[in-house]
Amino acid sequence: MSPRPEVPTLRVRLLGGFEVTFANEPVAVSRPGRRLVALIAVAHRGRPAGRDALAARAWPELSADRAAACLRSTLWRLPRPRGRRLLVADAASVRIADDVEVDLWEAEVRARGLADDAAAHREPDPRGAATGLEEDLLPDWDDEWLLVERESHRQRRLHALEQASCRLRQRGHFDAALSVALEAVRAEPLRESAHRRVVEVHLDEGNQAEALRQYDSYRRLIGTELGIAPSPAIRGLVAPLLGRPVDLR
């Protein structure tokens, strides 16, 4: 019996920017279509969204009848590569099709897995521990409904990265622990707990100069940006290296 042909993947990318691909090739989607797909994928995940509420949220400036008409038109105009649908709609609701992959959902599963590993004291995989957690949710969009969702995803991935760095460091995977911690710093340069993870890796490796350099970089950054000093928690990590409190101006 000959092997079954591989089914091409229909995929929605929301992290770092919006894109739809089919068989790894970009698919053109209209601006209203992009907004609708993103709204359903982010705010409803895999759950059906009621048509009336969805139309009102997607087109809040329009009357109920006009918003419903825009929803019908946008659904009709969505691309269907080789007959595959992005959204499945009936008289009452709309949802993401079952065979559509969404990178945001995969990243959330990844973040939960890292958090579960930390809670259960399991060793995370040092290979690609930060995979899927590098990008913010639709960073260039300014839609009001997206603000809380974006911040929620950012906090989940930052906590997951920091937890993974701690576990990797404790297991002696210093290279992976440092890479993951630096990814958290890149995502939020003013986040002290991320900088602490980096300092801790350097100290465990015996790289005292690197630890002090990381601390000093953070100290200067928050002094310039926020006009505040580092907390005692991070100062305490490097204070023994100098033999005195590290609160230099």
Protein backbone atom coordinates (compact mmCIF):
# COMPACT_ATOMS: atom_id res chain seq x y z
CA MET A 1 0.00 0.00 0.00
CA SER A 2 1.42 3.37 -1.01
CA PRO A 3 1.82 5.99 1.76
CA ARG A 4 -0.95 8.56 2.13
CA PRO A 5 -0.02 11.95 0.66
CA GLU A 6 0.88 14.61 3.20
CA VAL A 7 -1.90 17.12 3.83
CA PRO A 8 -0.68 20.71 3.29
CA THR A 9 -0.77 22.85 6.44
CA LEU A 10 -3.01 25.91 6.70
CA ARG A 11 -1.45 28.12 9.33
CA VAL A 12 -2.14 31.48 10.98
CA ARG A 13 0.79 33.43 12.39
CA LEU A 14 -0.01 36.05 15.05
CA LEU A 15 3.33 36.32 16.88
CA GLY A 16 5.57 39.03 15.48
CA GLY A 17 2.97 39.94 12.85
CA PHE A 18 0.00 38.54 10.93
CA GLU A 19 0.39 36.02 8.15
CA VAL A 20 -1.58 33.14 6.69
CA THR A 21 0.31 30.39 4.89
CA PHE A 22 -0.81 27.30 3.02
CA ALA A 23 1.81 24.64 2.31
CA ASN A 24 4.36 27.20 3.55
CA GLU A 25 3.31 29.73 0.91
CA PRO A 26 1.77 33.11 1.85
CA VAL A 27 -1.96 33.55 1.34
CA ALA A 28 -3.36 37.03 0.68
CA VAL A 29 -6.04 38.06 3.16
CA SER A 30 -7.90 41.36 3.10
CA ARG A 31 -7.52 43.81 5.97
CA PRO A 32 -11.04 43.10 7.34
CA GLY A 33 -10.33 39.39 6.97
CA ARG A 34 -7.07 39.69 8.92
CA ARG A 35 -8.86 41.56 11.71
CA LEU A 36 -11.64 39.00 11.87
CA VAL A 37 -9.35 35.95 11.88
CA ALA A 38 -7.12 37.51 14.52
CA LEU A 39 -10.05 38.50 16.73
CA ILE A 40 -11.50 34.99 16.71
CA ALA A 41 -8.12 33.29 17.17
CA VAL A 42 -7.03 35.55 20.03
CA ALA A 43 -10.21 36.40 21.93
CA HIS A 44 -12.02 33.09 21.45
CA ARG A 45 -9.15 30.64 20.89
CA GLY A 46 -10.83 27.50 19.53
CA ARG A 47 -14.29 28.35 20.83
CA PRO A 48 -17.18 29.47 18.60
CA ALA A 49 -17.93 33.19 18.67
CA GLY A 50 -21.53 34.32 18.49
CA ARG A 51 -22.16 36.17 15.23
CA ASP A 52 -23.94 39.19 16.73
CA ALA A 53 -21.34 39.76 19.46
CA LEU A 54 -18.50 39.15 17.00
CA ALA A 55 -19.87 41.66 14.48
CA ALA A 56 -20.37 44.28 17.20
CA ARG A 57 -16.81 43.80 18.46
CA ALA A 58 -15.21 43.78 15.02
CA TRP A 59 -17.13 46.83 13.74
CA PRO A 60 -18.08 48.81 16.87
CA GLU A 61 -18.58 52.04 14.93
CA LEU A 62 -21.41 50.57 12.80
CA SER A 63 -25.03 49.80 13.52
CA ALA A 64 -25.93 46.18 14.30
CA ASP A 65 -27.35 45.60 10.82
CA ARG A 66 -24.35 47.08 9.02
CA ALA A 67 -21.89 45.23 11.26
CA ALA A 68 -23.69 41.96 10.51
CA ALA A 69 -23.49 42.74 6.79
CA CYS A 70 -19.75 43.43 7.07
CA LEU A 71 -19.29 40.11 8.85
CA ARG A 72 -21.11 38.23 6.09
CA SER A 73 -19.11 40.00 3.38
CA THR A 74 -15.78 39.40 5.12
CA LEU A 75 -16.52 35.72 5.64
CA TRP A 76 -17.50 35.32 1.98
CA ARG A 77 -14.30 37.01 0.78
CA LEU A 78 -11.87 34.97 2.90
CA PRO A 79 -9.50 32.89 0.76
CA ARG A 80 -10.01 29.13 0.50
CA PRO A 81 -6.76 27.60 -0.74
CA ARG A 82 -7.66 24.28 -2.39
CA GLY A 83 -11.04 24.45 -0.70
CA ARG A 84 -9.63 24.73 2.82
CA ARG A 85 -11.40 27.20 5.08
CA LEU A 86 -9.86 29.47 7.71
CA LEU A 87 -13.17 30.02 9.50
CA VAL A 88 -16.23 27.83 9.86
CA ALA A 89 -19.54 29.69 10.16
CA ASP A 90 -23.14 28.75 10.72
CA ALA A 91 -26.27 30.79 11.40
CA ALA A 92 -25.28 31.47 15.01
CA SER A 93 -21.49 31.38 15.34
CA VAL A 94 -18.04 31.54 13.74
CA ARG A 95 -14.90 29.65 14.75
CA ILE A 96 -11.42 28.75 13.52
CA ALA A 97 -11.51 25.61 11.37
CA ASP A 98 -10.32 22.48 13.16
CA ASP A 99 -7.41 21.85 10.79
CA VAL A 100 -5.94 25.36 11.02
CA GLU A 101 -2.74 25.74 13.04
CA VAL A 102 -2.31 28.92 15.11
CA ASP A 103 1.14 29.82 16.43
CA LEU A 104 -0.27 31.71 19.44
CA TRP A 105 -2.04 28.58 20.68
CA GLU A 106 1.15 26.55 20.25
CA ALA A 107 3.17 29.15 22.19
CA GLU A 108 0.65 29.06 25.04
CA VAL A 109 0.93 25.29 25.23
CA ARG A 110 4.71 25.69 25.28
CA ALA A 111 4.57 28.27 28.08
CA ARG A 112 2.24 26.08 30.16
CA GLY A 113 4.55 23.14 29.63
CA LEU A 114 7.56 25.08 30.91
CA ALA A 115 5.59 26.28 33.92
CA ASP A 116 4.42 22.72 34.64
CA ASP A 117 8.00 21.44 34.38
CA ALA A 118 9.11 24.02 36.93
CA ALA A 119 6.25 23.23 39.30
CA ALA A 120 6.93 19.50 39.07
CA HIS A 121 10.73 19.96 39.27
CA ARG A 122 11.13 18.28 35.89
CA GLU A 123 14.15 19.08 33.76
CA PRO A 124 13.24 21.18 30.71
CA ASP A 125 14.67 20.27 27.34
CA PRO A 126 17.81 22.43 26.91
CA ARG A 127 17.41 22.29 23.13
CA GLY A 128 15.29 25.20 21.97
CA ALA A 129 13.79 25.92 25.40
CA ALA A 130 12.64 29.36 24.20
CA THR A 131 11.25 28.13 20.87
CA GLY A 132 7.91 29.78 20.12
CA LEU A 133 8.28 32.34 22.92
CA GLU A 134 10.39 34.94 21.16
CA GLU A 135 7.74 37.29 19.76
CA ASP A 136 4.95 39.54 21.01
CA LEU A 137 1.36 39.19 19.85
CA LEU A 138 0.69 41.36 16.78
CA PRO A 139 3.10 44.08 18.00
CA ASP A 140 2.27 46.55 15.22
CA TRP A 141 -1.50 46.50 15.72
CA ASP A 142 -3.21 49.16 17.84
CA ASP A 143 -6.70 47.64 18.11
CA GLU A 144 -8.15 48.36 21.54
CA TRP A 145 -9.42 44.80 22.06
CA LEU A 146 -5.86 43.52 21.59
CA LEU A 147 -4.11 45.49 24.35
CA VAL A 148 -4.99 43.23 27.29
CA GLU A 149 -4.51 40.08 25.22
CA ARG A 150 -1.04 41.19 24.13
CA GLU A 151 0.05 42.00 27.66
CA SER A 152 -1.37 38.73 28.97
CA HIS A 153 0.62 36.74 26.41
CA ARG A 154 3.76 38.76 27.12
CA GLN A 155 3.58 38.08 30.85
CA ARG A 156 2.97 34.36 30.30
CA ARG A 157 5.97 33.99 28.03
CA LEU A 158 8.26 36.07 30.26
CA HIS A 159 7.41 33.99 33.32
CA ALA A 160 7.88 30.79 31.32
CA LEU A 161 11.30 31.93 30.06
CA GLU A 162 12.48 32.87 33.54
CA GLN A 163 11.26 29.59 35.03
CA ALA A 164 12.96 27.63 32.27
CA SER A 165 16.22 29.52 32.83
CA CYS A 166 16.15 28.70 36.55
CA ARG A 167 15.57 25.01 35.96
CA LEU A 168 18.22 24.78 33.25
CA ARG A 169 20.76 26.56 35.46
CA GLN A 170 20.02 24.27 38.40
CA ARG A 171 20.63 21.27 36.12
CA GLY A 172 23.94 22.65 34.87
CA HIS A 173 22.77 23.58 31.35
CA PHE A 174 24.36 27.01 31.60
CA ASP A 175 24.49 27.82 27.89
CA ALA A 176 20.77 27.13 27.43
CA ALA A 177 19.90 28.87 30.71
CA LEU A 178 21.76 32.00 29.63
CA SER A 179 20.18 32.00 26.19
CA VAL A 180 16.67 31.72 27.63
CA ALA A 181 17.32 34.41 30.26
CA LEU A 182 18.69 36.79 27.64
CA GLU A 183 15.56 36.18 25.55
CA ALA A 184 13.51 37.40 28.51
CA VAL A 185 15.74 40.48 28.83
CA ARG A 186 15.35 41.19 25.12
CA ALA A 187 11.57 40.93 25.44
CA GLU A 188 11.47 43.37 28.37
CA PRO A 189 14.76 45.22 29.04
CA LEU A 190 13.40 46.91 32.20
CA ARG A 191 12.31 43.66 33.86
CA GLU A 192 14.58 43.10 36.86
CA SER A 193 13.75 39.42 37.38
CA ALA A 194 14.98 38.69 33.84
CA HIS A 195 18.29 40.42 34.55
CA ARG A 196 18.60 38.45 37.81
CA ARG A 197 18.35 35.20 35.88
CA VAL A 198 21.24 36.33 33.66
CA VAL A 199 23.37 37.37 36.65
CA GLU A 200 22.67 34.05 38.38
CA VAL A 201 23.89 32.05 35.39
CA HIS A 202 27.11 34.09 35.18
CA LEU A 203 27.74 33.61 38.90
CA ASP A 204 27.13 29.86 38.75
CA GLU A 205 29.62 29.63 35.91
CA GLY A 206 32.15 31.68 37.88
CA ASN A 207 32.03 34.57 35.44
CA GLN A 208 32.11 37.35 38.01
CA ALA A 209 33.02 40.11 35.58
CA GLU A 210 30.11 39.15 33.32
CA ALA A 211 27.75 39.19 36.29
CA LEU A 212 28.92 42.65 37.32
CA ARG A 213 28.69 43.89 33.74
CA GLN A 214 25.08 42.68 33.46
CA TYR A 215 24.18 44.28 36.78
CA ASP A 216 25.80 47.58 35.85
CA SER A 217 24.05 47.63 32.48
CA TYR A 218 20.70 47.13 34.19
CA ARG A 219 21.49 49.71 36.91
CA ARG A 220 22.32 52.36 34.33
CA LEU A 221 19.25 51.51 32.22
CA ILE A 222 16.65 51.89 34.97
CA GLY A 223 18.46 54.92 36.35
CA THR A 224 18.20 56.61 32.96
CA GLU A 225 14.73 55.37 31.97
CA LEU A 226 12.93 55.31 35.31
CA GLY A 227 15.08 57.27 37.74
CA ILE A 228 15.19 54.41 40.25
CA ALA A 229 17.84 52.15 41.75
CA PRO A 230 18.00 48.34 41.51
CA SER A 231 16.22 46.40 44.23
CA PRO A 232 18.07 44.74 47.13
CA ALA A 233 17.39 41.36 45.50
CA ILE A 234 19.65 41.97 42.51
CA ARG A 235 22.13 44.12 44.44
CA GLY A 236 22.54 41.26 46.90
CA LEU A 237 23.63 38.91 44.12
CA VAL A 238 26.69 40.97 43.22
CA ALA A 239 27.44 42.74 46.51
CA PRO A 240 29.82 40.00 47.75
CA LEU A 241 31.99 40.53 44.68
CA LEU A 242 32.76 44.07 45.73
CA GLY A 243 32.76 43.60 49.49
CA ARG A 244 30.39 46.52 49.97
CA PRO A 245 26.80 47.53 49.07
CA VAL A 246 26.35 48.00 45.36
CA ASP A 247 24.22 51.12 45.09
CA LEU A 248 26.68 53.32 43.23
CA ARG A 249 25.36 56.33 41.42
